[in-house]
């Protein structure tokens, strides 16, 4: 498929949701799903990079897979609330560049 931009990811997710997924879950449901996915990501990070020892099944999903799951739900929330993630990301980056330009020297 090649490289995907943020805008492209938003379009791909929207197309999948509308043609295969049966429509978006409510924003509240997607927020709950995002919380669940972040927890699954935290489990992998705690076992791979932290001090916890993995139990059977803890690492059935990879860090890569969990990061993608988090991204998927974030994109869903952005799509259903009309948020352009490219614009939002660039705005956030600009804010950080201005606010923190001397912070870490």
C-alpha atoms as a PDB file:
ATOM      1  CA  UNK A   1       0.000   0.000   0.000  1.00  0.00           C
ATOM      2  CA  UNK A   2       2.943   2.357   0.534  1.00  0.00           C
ATOM      3  CA  UNK A   3       3.094   5.351   2.828  1.00  0.00           C
ATOM      4  CA  UNK A   4      -0.105   6.639   4.371  1.00  0.00           C
ATOM      5  CA  UNK A   5      -0.556  10.218   5.496  1.00  0.00           C
ATOM      6  CA  UNK A   6      -2.640  11.086   8.520  1.00  0.00           C
ATOM      7  CA  UNK A   7      -5.352  12.390   6.194  1.00  0.00           C
ATOM      8  CA  UNK A   8      -5.065   9.167   4.194  1.00  0.00           C
ATOM      9  CA  UNK A   9      -5.441   7.105   7.359  1.00  0.00           C
ATOM     10  CA  UNK A  10      -8.577   9.033   8.230  1.00  0.00           C
ATOM     11  CA  UNK A  11      -9.993   8.302   4.772  1.00  0.00           C
ATOM     12  CA  UNK A  12      -9.059   4.605   4.886  1.00  0.00           C
ATOM     13  CA  UNK A  13     -10.652   4.128   8.313  1.00  0.00           C
ATOM     14  CA  UNK A  14     -13.785   6.016   7.251  1.00  0.00           C
ATOM     15  CA  UNK A  15     -14.116   3.897   4.110  1.00  0.00           C
ATOM     16  CA  UNK A  16     -13.703   0.664   6.099  1.00  0.00           C
ATOM     17  CA  UNK A  17     -16.195   1.744   8.769  1.00  0.00           C
ATOM     18  CA  UNK A  18     -18.799   2.718   6.170  1.00  0.00           C
ATOM     19  CA  UNK A  19     -18.391  -0.278   3.848  1.00  0.00           C
ATOM     20  CA  UNK A  20     -17.398  -3.157   6.121  1.00  0.00           C
ATOM     21  CA  UNK A  21     -17.658  -2.089   9.753  1.00  0.00           C
ATOM     22  CA  UNK A  22     -21.352  -1.280   9.772  1.00  0.00           C
ATOM     23  CA  UNK A  23     -20.919   2.308  10.949  1.00  0.00           C
ATOM     24  CA  UNK A  24     -19.188   4.103  13.765  1.00  0.00           C
ATOM     25  CA  UNK A  25     -19.774   3.243  17.399  1.00  0.00           C
ATOM     26  CA  UNK A  26     -20.869   6.201  19.492  1.00  0.00           C
ATOM     27  CA  UNK A  27     -18.184   8.617  20.641  1.00  0.00           C
ATOM     28  CA  UNK A  28     -18.643   7.421  24.205  1.00  0.00           C
ATOM     29  CA  UNK A  29     -18.197   3.781  23.181  1.00  0.00           C
ATOM     30  CA  UNK A  30     -15.104   4.678  21.175  1.00  0.00           C
ATOM     31  CA  UNK A  31     -13.682   6.539  24.177  1.00  0.00           C
ATOM     32  CA  UNK A  32     -14.188   3.401  26.267  1.00  0.00           C
ATOM     33  CA  UNK A  33     -12.563   1.309  23.521  1.00  0.00           C
ATOM     34  CA  UNK A  34      -9.622   3.735  23.394  1.00  0.00           C
ATOM     35  CA  UNK A  35      -9.152   3.316  27.132  1.00  0.00           C
ATOM     36  CA  UNK A  36      -9.204  -0.462  26.683  1.00  0.00           C
ATOM     37  CA  UNK A  37      -6.668  -0.344  23.857  1.00  0.00           C
ATOM     38  CA  UNK A  38      -4.340   1.947  25.831  1.00  0.00           C
ATOM     39  CA  UNK A  39      -4.514  -0.567  28.682  1.00  0.00           C
ATOM     40  CA  UNK A  40      -3.518  -3.374  26.328  1.00  0.00           C
ATOM     41  CA  UNK A  41      -0.629  -1.233  25.071  1.00  0.00           C
ATOM     42  CA  UNK A  42       0.424  -0.563  28.661  1.00  0.00           C
ATOM     43  CA  UNK A  43       0.408  -4.301  29.393  1.00  0.00           C
ATOM     44  CA  UNK A  44       2.828  -5.000  26.543  1.00  0.00           C
ATOM     45  CA  UNK A  45       5.118  -2.103  27.496  1.00  0.00           C
ATOM     46  CA  UNK A  46       5.150  -3.123  31.175  1.00  0.00           C
ATOM     47  CA  UNK A  47       6.121  -6.694  30.251  1.00  0.00           C
ATOM     48  CA  UNK A  48       8.617  -5.912  27.491  1.00  0.00           C
ATOM     49  CA  UNK A  49      10.232  -2.699  28.749  1.00  0.00           C
ATOM     50  CA  UNK A  50       9.244  -2.656  32.409  1.00  0.00           C
ATOM     51  CA  UNK A  51       9.807  -4.828  35.423  1.00  0.00           C
ATOM     52  CA  UNK A  52       6.773  -7.090  35.167  1.00  0.00           C
ATOM     53  CA  UNK A  53       7.249 -10.667  34.070  1.00  0.00           C
ATOM     54  CA  UNK A  54       4.855 -11.763  31.358  1.00  0.00           C
ATOM     55  CA  UNK A  55       2.231 -14.367  32.180  1.00  0.00           C
ATOM     56  CA  UNK A  56       1.016 -16.833  29.553  1.00  0.00           C
ATOM     57  CA  UNK A  57      -0.939 -14.866  26.958  1.00  0.00           C
ATOM     58  CA  UNK A  58       0.370 -11.421  28.000  1.00  0.00           C
ATOM     59  CA  UNK A  59       2.419 -11.051  24.859  1.00  0.00           C
ATOM     60  CA  UNK A  60       0.021 -12.593  22.373  1.00  0.00           C
ATOM     61  CA  UNK A  61      -0.193  -9.130  20.803  1.00  0.00           C
ATOM     62  CA  UNK A  62       2.847  -7.110  19.824  1.00  0.00           C
ATOM     63  CA  UNK A  63       3.680  -3.532  20.664  1.00  0.00           C
ATOM     64  CA  UNK A  64       3.199  -2.741  16.985  1.00  0.00           C
ATOM     65  CA  UNK A  65      -0.289  -4.230  16.957  1.00  0.00           C
ATOM     66  CA  UNK A  66      -1.350  -2.419  20.129  1.00  0.00           C
ATOM     67  CA  UNK A  67      -0.036   0.941  18.887  1.00  0.00           C
ATOM     68  CA  UNK A  68      -1.995   0.448  15.662  1.00  0.00           C
ATOM     69  CA  UNK A  69      -5.154  -0.416  17.641  1.00  0.00           C
ATOM     70  CA  UNK A  70      -4.814   2.816  19.642  1.00  0.00           C
ATOM     71  CA  UNK A  71      -4.268   4.771  16.436  1.00  0.00           C
ATOM     72  CA  UNK A  72      -7.339   3.182  14.829  1.00  0.00           C
ATOM     73  CA  UNK A  73      -9.659   4.285  17.632  1.00  0.00           C
ATOM     74  CA  UNK A  74      -8.121   7.790  17.748  1.00  0.00           C
ATOM     75  CA  UNK A  75      -8.763   8.083  14.008  1.00  0.00           C
ATOM     76  CA  UNK A  76     -12.346   6.882  14.497  1.00  0.00           C
ATOM     77  CA  UNK A  77     -12.940   9.536  17.168  1.00  0.00           C
ATOM     78  CA  UNK A  78     -11.413  12.214  14.943  1.00  0.00           C
ATOM     79  CA  UNK A  79     -13.538  11.193  11.978  1.00  0.00           C
ATOM     80  CA  UNK A  80     -16.808  11.130  13.840  1.00  0.00           C
ATOM     81  CA  UNK A  81     -16.161  14.499  15.497  1.00  0.00           C
ATOM     82  CA  UNK A  82     -14.994  16.203  12.305  1.00  0.00           C
ATOM     83  CA  UNK A  83     -11.434  16.657  13.535  1.00  0.00           C
ATOM     84  CA  UNK A  84      -8.705  16.984  10.910  1.00  0.00           C
ATOM     85  CA  UNK A  85      -5.850  15.149  12.650  1.00  0.00           C
ATOM     86  CA  UNK A  86      -3.222  16.589  10.308  1.00  0.00           C
ATOM     87  CA  UNK A  87      -4.262  20.112  11.209  1.00  0.00           C
ATOM     88  CA  UNK A  88      -4.556  19.218  14.899  1.00  0.00           C
ATOM     89  CA  UNK A  89      -1.126  17.562  14.954  1.00  0.00           C
ATOM     90  CA  UNK A  90       0.572  20.474  13.201  1.00  0.00           C
ATOM     91  CA  UNK A  91      -1.075  22.907  15.608  1.00  0.00           C
ATOM     92  CA  UNK A  92       0.104  20.844  18.581  1.00  0.00           C
ATOM     93  CA  UNK A  93       3.631  20.678  17.167  1.00  0.00           C
ATOM     94  CA  UNK A  94       3.681  24.437  16.657  1.00  0.00           C
ATOM     95  CA  UNK A  95       2.499  24.989  20.226  1.00  0.00           C
ATOM     96  CA  UNK A  96       5.236  22.733  21.591  1.00  0.00           C
ATOM     97  CA  UNK A  97       7.908  24.364  19.438  1.00  0.00           C
ATOM     98  CA  UNK A  98       7.007  27.791  20.790  1.00  0.00           C
ATOM     99  CA  UNK A  99       6.370  26.804  24.396  1.00  0.00           C
ATOM    100  CA  UNK A 100       9.315  24.475  24.831  1.00  0.00           C
ATOM    101  CA  UNK A 101      11.965  25.967  22.528  1.00  0.00           C
ATOM    102  CA  UNK A 102      14.356  26.600  25.458  1.00  0.00           C
ATOM    103  CA  UNK A 103      12.898  24.167  27.979  1.00  0.00           C
ATOM    104  CA  UNK A 104      15.238  21.204  27.507  1.00  0.00           C
ATOM    105  CA  UNK A 105      18.555  22.969  26.974  1.00  0.00           C
END
